[in-house]
Amino acid sequence: MPTDAHQRVLTIGSQPPAEQRHRHRGKRRWGRTLVSVVLAMGLIGGGLYAAVNFIGFDTTVVREKCTAVVGSTQHTLSPEQASNAALITAIATKRGLPARAASIGIATAMQESKLTNIDYGDNAGPDSRGLFQQRSSMGWGTEEQIMNPRYAANRFFQELETFDYTSMEITAAAQKVQRSAYPLAYAKHEGLAKAFASALTGNSPSTLNCTLRPTEGAGSNPTVIKDLKAQTGLTARALNADRVGVPVKGKQGWAIAQWAVANAEAQRTVSVSYAGLVWNRAEGHWVPAATTDGYVVITLAGS
């Protein structure tokens, strides 16, 4: 410590003003902060890069979905929902009904059950079941029958056929069949219903695609042949251990091809080819390919 005035003056003169000292400390703090931010951003960026690259190889993070496009609008369902939409459309077509009927059926099931075969009802209908939430107490059939999607779809269309639904709005036709407490609720599903019905009736070729994970286990030719016969009435044949051929042409061919894509998850399908295009599970959409004329060819995962 300085002991005389001279030393005190020299000491004071050699120290920077308080403001200057604070300014230097502030700069050092800002410098340290900036370095920390840069390092943190580097770590975050590196983490994101690693995560993105890891995700790129991790098929478990793939969001499975099926889409149908009308114009510039894309509508999305889960693979389970798309499979049920395909069943409803196939039953309508088998009964000789137009795409309009399939649209009404899909919109109705979307509102009633989210296109899933649920085994419970609600407060308004405790005994409601299945795709269309039909009630055994209201004469729709037994609970076992209603829980069978093919029976439920046929029963719905049986009722739809009793009046001129072709000149009605979709929501009005659905309400006339269902007699719901919410008569206007079906309208919000009209766009989606039309898109999937148009693809699944073959009116909109190659517009239905599914993005799926790799298959787990092998597909079954007999299962595909049985499901196709039950839903569409068409007969297919095994081409070899993993391939099924369906002899169809034109619009009907596209109906079957897109039925097969909509069922690809459940049936463990790896590709569907028709009319110069192929949908394959690896790419998730239709691409040009050499195909067999007059056939839809469904290739399943091998054992």
Protein backbone atom coordinates (compact mmCIF):
# COMPACT_ATOMS: atom_id res chain seq x y z
CA MET A 1 0.00 0.00 0.00
CA PRO A 2 1.45 3.49 -0.89
CA THR A 3 2.51 5.47 2.18
CA ASP A 4 3.01 9.00 0.85
CA ALA A 5 1.21 11.41 -1.44
CA HIS A 6 3.66 10.93 -4.30
CA GLN A 7 3.24 7.21 -4.30
CA ARG A 8 -0.53 7.57 -4.04
CA VAL A 9 -0.55 9.85 -7.07
CA LEU A 10 1.59 7.42 -9.07
CA THR A 11 -0.59 4.52 -8.05
CA ILE A 12 -3.80 6.31 -8.95
CA GLY A 13 -2.31 7.37 -12.29
CA SER A 14 -1.34 3.83 -13.15
CA GLN A 15 -4.93 2.45 -12.68
CA PRO A 16 -7.55 2.76 -15.47
CA PRO A 17 -10.68 4.74 -14.66
CA ALA A 18 -13.54 2.70 -13.14
CA GLU A 19 -15.64 3.16 -16.30
CA GLN A 20 -12.77 1.85 -18.43
CA ARG A 21 -12.28 -1.16 -16.14
CA HIS A 22 -15.99 -2.01 -16.33
CA ARG A 23 -15.92 -1.62 -20.10
CA HIS A 24 -13.04 -4.07 -20.43
CA ARG A 25 -14.76 -6.55 -18.13
CA GLY A 26 -17.97 -6.16 -20.21
CA LYS A 27 -16.08 -6.89 -23.41
CA ARG A 28 -14.48 -9.96 -21.87
CA ARG A 29 -17.89 -11.19 -20.68
CA TRP A 30 -19.44 -10.62 -24.12
CA GLY A 31 -16.49 -12.41 -25.70
CA ARG A 32 -16.91 -15.39 -23.40
CA THR A 33 -20.68 -15.38 -24.05
CA LEU A 34 -20.18 -15.27 -27.80
CA VAL A 35 -17.74 -18.18 -27.65
CA SER A 36 -20.24 -20.16 -25.55
CA VAL A 37 -23.07 -19.46 -27.99
CA VAL A 38 -20.94 -20.50 -30.95
CA LEU A 39 -19.91 -23.70 -29.19
CA ALA A 40 -23.51 -24.43 -28.20
CA MET A 41 -24.73 -23.83 -31.74
CA GLY A 42 -22.03 -26.15 -33.00
CA LEU A 43 -23.11 -28.86 -30.59
CA ILE A 44 -26.79 -28.39 -31.50
CA GLY A 45 -26.00 -28.37 -35.21
CA GLY A 46 -23.86 -31.48 -34.85
CA GLY A 47 -26.62 -33.14 -32.87
CA LEU A 48 -29.22 -32.27 -35.49
CA TYR A 49 -26.94 -33.52 -38.25
CA ALA A 50 -26.41 -36.78 -36.38
CA ALA A 51 -30.13 -37.11 -35.66
CA VAL A 52 -31.11 -36.47 -39.27
CA ASN A 53 -28.59 -38.99 -40.52
CA PHE A 54 -29.65 -41.51 -37.91
CA ILE A 55 -33.32 -41.01 -38.76
CA GLY A 56 -32.52 -41.46 -42.41
CA PHE A 57 -31.51 -45.04 -41.67
CA ASP A 58 -34.13 -45.76 -39.00
CA THR A 59 -37.29 -47.04 -40.68
CA THR A 60 -39.20 -47.06 -37.39
CA VAL A 61 -39.68 -43.29 -37.64
CA VAL A 62 -41.40 -43.48 -41.04
CA ARG A 63 -44.94 -42.15 -40.72
CA GLU A 64 -47.08 -44.75 -42.45
CA LYS A 65 -49.89 -43.21 -44.48
CA CYS A 66 -51.96 -43.59 -47.62
CA THR A 67 -52.88 -40.64 -49.80
CA ALA A 68 -55.33 -39.94 -52.60
CA VAL A 69 -55.01 -36.87 -54.81
CA VAL A 70 -57.72 -34.90 -56.60
CA GLY A 71 -56.36 -31.96 -58.57
CA SER A 72 -53.85 -30.28 -56.30
CA THR A 73 -55.46 -31.52 -53.08
CA GLN A 74 -54.03 -34.50 -51.22
CA HIS A 75 -56.08 -36.41 -48.65
CA THR A 76 -54.51 -38.73 -46.09
CA LEU A 77 -55.61 -41.86 -44.24
CA SER A 78 -53.74 -44.40 -42.14
CA PRO A 79 -53.12 -47.79 -43.80
CA GLU A 80 -55.89 -49.33 -41.68
CA GLN A 81 -58.34 -46.60 -42.70
CA ALA A 82 -57.36 -46.92 -46.37
CA SER A 83 -57.89 -50.68 -46.24
CA ASN A 84 -61.41 -50.15 -44.88
CA ALA A 85 -62.11 -47.48 -47.52
CA ALA A 86 -61.00 -50.02 -50.15
CA LEU A 87 -63.36 -52.63 -48.69
CA ILE A 88 -66.32 -50.23 -48.67
CA THR A 89 -65.63 -49.20 -52.27
CA ALA A 90 -65.15 -52.80 -53.41
CA ILE A 91 -68.48 -53.83 -51.86
CA ALA A 92 -70.24 -50.90 -53.56
CA THR A 93 -68.71 -51.80 -56.92
CA LYS A 94 -69.55 -55.49 -56.46
CA ARG A 95 -73.19 -54.47 -55.88
CA GLY A 96 -73.12 -52.55 -59.17
CA LEU A 97 -73.26 -49.13 -57.49
CA PRO A 98 -71.52 -45.99 -58.82
CA ALA A 99 -68.61 -44.12 -57.29
CA ARG A 100 -71.15 -41.76 -55.68
CA ALA A 101 -72.33 -44.59 -53.44
CA ALA A 102 -68.74 -45.40 -52.43
CA SER A 103 -68.17 -41.73 -51.54
CA ILE A 104 -71.26 -41.75 -49.31
CA GLY A 105 -70.12 -44.97 -47.65
CA ILE A 106 -66.60 -43.71 -46.96
CA ALA A 107 -67.81 -40.33 -45.64
CA THR A 108 -70.30 -42.09 -43.35
CA ALA A 109 -67.76 -44.53 -41.92
CA MET A 110 -65.22 -41.72 -41.49
CA GLN A 111 -67.69 -39.79 -39.36
CA GLU A 112 -69.06 -42.77 -37.43
CA SER A 113 -65.87 -44.68 -36.64
CA LYS A 114 -62.92 -42.85 -38.23
CA LEU A 115 -62.91 -45.76 -40.71
CA THR A 116 -61.92 -48.26 -38.02
CA ASN A 117 -63.85 -51.35 -37.00
CA ILE A 118 -64.51 -50.35 -33.39
CA ASP A 119 -66.19 -52.65 -30.87
CA TYR A 120 -67.90 -50.03 -28.69
CA GLY A 121 -70.62 -47.40 -28.92
CA ASP A 122 -71.32 -44.11 -27.16
CA ASN A 123 -73.92 -42.60 -24.82
CA ALA A 124 -76.36 -42.07 -27.67
CA GLY A 125 -75.95 -45.64 -28.92
CA PRO A 126 -74.38 -47.96 -26.35
CA ASP A 127 -74.85 -50.96 -28.64
CA SER A 128 -73.36 -49.22 -31.70
CA ARG A 129 -70.56 -51.21 -33.31
CA GLY A 130 -68.34 -51.49 -36.36
CA LEU A 131 -67.41 -49.26 -39.27
CA PHE A 132 -70.83 -47.62 -39.47
CA GLN A 133 -71.73 -47.77 -35.76
CA GLN A 134 -74.80 -49.81 -36.60
CA ARG A 135 -77.04 -50.90 -33.71
CA SER A 136 -78.39 -54.39 -33.18
CA SER A 137 -81.33 -52.89 -31.27
CA MET A 138 -82.29 -50.92 -34.39
CA GLY A 139 -82.43 -53.95 -36.67
CA TRP A 140 -79.03 -53.71 -38.34
CA GLY A 141 -78.04 -57.26 -37.39
CA THR A 142 -76.40 -59.11 -34.54
CA GLU A 143 -73.30 -57.66 -32.90
CA GLU A 144 -71.21 -60.40 -34.51
CA GLN A 145 -72.59 -59.54 -37.95
CA ILE A 146 -72.11 -55.80 -37.49
CA MET A 147 -68.48 -56.33 -36.47
CA ASN A 148 -67.86 -58.05 -39.81
CA PRO A 149 -66.83 -55.17 -42.13
CA ARG A 150 -68.15 -56.88 -45.27
CA TYR A 151 -71.54 -57.47 -43.67
CA ALA A 152 -71.66 -53.90 -42.30
CA ALA A 153 -70.83 -52.37 -45.71
CA ASN A 154 -73.38 -54.55 -47.51
CA ARG A 155 -76.01 -53.67 -44.91
CA PHE A 156 -75.28 -49.96 -45.32
CA PHE A 157 -75.62 -50.11 -49.11
CA GLN A 158 -78.73 -52.26 -48.83
CA GLU A 159 -80.36 -49.33 -47.03
CA LEU A 160 -78.85 -46.72 -49.37
CA GLU A 161 -80.35 -48.48 -52.39
CA THR A 162 -83.91 -47.92 -51.11
CA PHE A 163 -83.96 -44.27 -52.25
CA ASP A 164 -82.52 -42.01 -54.96
CA TYR A 165 -79.24 -41.01 -53.32
CA THR A 166 -77.65 -39.97 -56.63
CA SER A 167 -79.45 -36.62 -56.64
CA MET A 168 -78.75 -35.88 -52.97
CA GLU A 169 -75.89 -34.20 -51.17
CA ILE A 170 -73.54 -36.74 -49.60
CA THR A 171 -74.36 -35.61 -46.08
CA ALA A 172 -78.11 -35.79 -46.74
CA ALA A 173 -77.87 -39.31 -48.17
CA ALA A 174 -75.70 -40.47 -45.27
CA GLN A 175 -78.12 -38.99 -42.77
CA LYS A 176 -81.11 -40.67 -44.41
CA VAL A 177 -79.43 -44.02 -43.82
CA GLN A 178 -77.92 -43.35 -40.41
CA ARG A 179 -80.54 -41.10 -38.78
CA SER A 180 -77.79 -39.45 -36.73
CA ALA A 181 -78.22 -36.81 -34.02
CA TYR A 182 -75.69 -34.75 -36.03
CA PRO A 183 -77.11 -34.69 -39.57
CA LEU A 184 -74.59 -32.26 -41.05
CA ALA A 185 -71.48 -33.94 -39.64
CA TYR A 186 -70.82 -36.06 -42.74
CA ALA A 187 -70.20 -33.05 -44.97
CA LYS A 188 -66.71 -32.38 -43.65
CA HIS A 189 -65.50 -35.74 -44.98
CA GLU A 190 -66.83 -35.23 -48.51
CA GLY A 191 -63.54 -34.21 -50.14
CA LEU A 192 -61.59 -37.11 -48.66
CA ALA A 193 -64.38 -39.58 -49.47
CA LYS A 194 -64.55 -38.49 -53.11
CA ALA A 195 -60.77 -38.67 -53.53
CA PHE A 196 -60.45 -42.22 -52.22
CA ALA A 197 -63.64 -43.42 -53.92
CA SER A 198 -62.46 -42.03 -57.26
CA ALA A 199 -59.12 -43.85 -56.96
CA LEU A 200 -60.61 -47.09 -55.65
CA THR A 201 -63.24 -47.27 -58.40
CA GLY A 202 -60.52 -46.79 -61.03
CA ASN A 203 -61.76 -43.38 -62.13
CA SER A 204 -58.49 -41.73 -61.04
CA PRO A 205 -55.55 -43.94 -62.12
CA SER A 206 -52.33 -44.05 -60.07
CA THR A 207 -53.53 -41.42 -57.57
CA LEU A 208 -53.56 -43.65 -54.48
CA ASN A 209 -50.20 -44.20 -52.82
CA CYS A 210 -49.06 -45.60 -49.49
CA THR A 211 -45.87 -44.83 -47.59
CA LEU A 212 -45.01 -47.90 -45.51
CA ARG A 213 -42.19 -49.39 -43.49
CA PRO A 214 -40.49 -52.56 -44.72
CA THR A 215 -42.58 -55.68 -44.23
CA GLU A 216 -42.27 -57.87 -41.18
CA GLY A 217 -42.78 -61.44 -42.27
CA ALA A 218 -43.98 -62.96 -45.51
CA GLY A 219 -47.20 -62.32 -47.39
CA SER A 220 -49.69 -65.06 -48.27
CA ASN A 221 -50.98 -65.72 -51.78
CA PRO A 222 -54.06 -67.61 -50.49
CA THR A 223 -54.98 -64.69 -48.18
CA VAL A 224 -54.81 -62.13 -51.00
CA ILE A 225 -56.81 -64.37 -53.35
CA LYS A 226 -59.44 -65.01 -50.66
CA ASP A 227 -59.76 -61.30 -49.67
CA LEU A 228 -60.01 -60.21 -53.30
CA LYS A 229 -62.75 -62.75 -54.02
CA ALA A 230 -64.74 -61.86 -50.89
CA GLN A 231 -64.63 -58.11 -51.47
CA THR A 232 -64.71 -57.75 -55.25
CA GLY A 233 -66.01 -61.07 -56.53
CA LEU A 234 -62.99 -61.42 -58.84
CA THR A 235 -60.83 -64.51 -59.13
CA ALA A 236 -57.06 -64.23 -58.99
CA ARG A 237 -54.40 -66.89 -59.37
CA ALA A 238 -50.97 -67.49 -57.95
CA LEU A 239 -48.25 -66.81 -60.53
CA ASN A 240 -45.54 -68.20 -58.27
CA ALA A 241 -44.90 -68.46 -54.52
CA ASP A 242 -44.96 -64.69 -53.95
CA ARG A 243 -46.98 -63.24 -56.84
CA VAL A 244 -50.71 -63.02 -57.55
CA GLY A 245 -52.16 -62.13 -60.95
CA VAL A 246 -55.61 -60.62 -61.49
CA PRO A 247 -56.87 -60.64 -65.11
CA VAL A 248 -58.48 -57.21 -65.53
CA LYS A 249 -58.40 -54.30 -67.96
CA GLY A 250 -59.08 -50.59 -68.12
CA LYS A 251 -60.78 -48.80 -65.25
CA GLN A 252 -61.46 -52.05 -63.40
CA GLY A 253 -57.75 -52.77 -63.51
CA TRP A 254 -56.97 -49.49 -61.79
CA ALA A 255 -59.66 -50.19 -59.19
CA ILE A 256 -57.99 -53.51 -58.33
CA ALA A 257 -54.45 -52.12 -58.50
CA GLN A 258 -55.28 -49.35 -56.04
CA TRP A 259 -57.27 -51.77 -53.86
CA ALA A 260 -54.04 -53.77 -53.61
CA VAL A 261 -52.01 -50.70 -52.65
CA ALA A 262 -54.56 -49.73 -49.98
CA ASN A 263 -54.20 -53.25 -48.53
CA ALA A 264 -50.42 -53.43 -48.90
CA GLU A 265 -49.72 -53.02 -45.18
CA ALA A 266 -52.04 -55.81 -44.02
CA GLN A 267 -51.16 -58.15 -46.90
CA ARG A 268 -47.38 -57.50 -46.75
CA THR A 269 -47.29 -56.40 -50.38
CA VAL A 270 -44.00 -55.12 -51.78
CA SER A 271 -45.21 -54.05 -55.23
CA VAL A 272 -48.28 -53.71 -57.45
CA SER A 273 -47.93 -53.37 -61.22
CA TYR A 274 -50.43 -52.45 -63.90
CA ALA A 275 -50.65 -50.61 -67.23
CA GLY A 276 -47.01 -49.55 -67.50
CA LEU A 277 -46.66 -48.42 -63.89
CA VAL A 278 -45.61 -50.03 -60.64
CA TRP A 279 -46.17 -49.01 -57.03
CA ASN A 280 -43.42 -50.35 -54.84
CA ARG A 281 -43.03 -50.26 -51.10
CA ALA A 282 -39.48 -48.89 -51.25
CA GLU A 283 -40.49 -45.71 -53.09
CA GLY A 284 -44.09 -45.41 -51.93
CA HIS A 285 -45.51 -44.17 -55.23
CA TRP A 286 -46.23 -45.18 -58.82
CA VAL A 287 -43.32 -45.15 -61.27
CA PRO A 288 -42.94 -46.30 -64.93
CA ALA A 289 -42.14 -49.98 -65.39
CA ALA A 290 -42.54 -52.92 -67.73
CA THR A 291 -45.81 -54.66 -66.82
CA THR A 292 -47.89 -57.63 -67.92
CA ASP A 293 -50.70 -56.58 -70.27
CA GLY A 294 -54.21 -57.26 -69.00
CA TYR A 295 -53.06 -58.16 -65.49
CA VAL A 296 -52.67 -56.54 -62.12
CA VAL A 297 -49.67 -58.30 -60.55
CA ILE A 298 -49.37 -58.19 -56.76
CA THR A 299 -45.96 -59.16 -55.38
CA LEU A 300 -45.74 -60.14 -51.73
CA ALA A 301 -42.85 -60.27 -49.30
CA GLY A 302 -41.14 -63.65 -49.52
CA SER A 303 -40.63 -66.08 -46.69
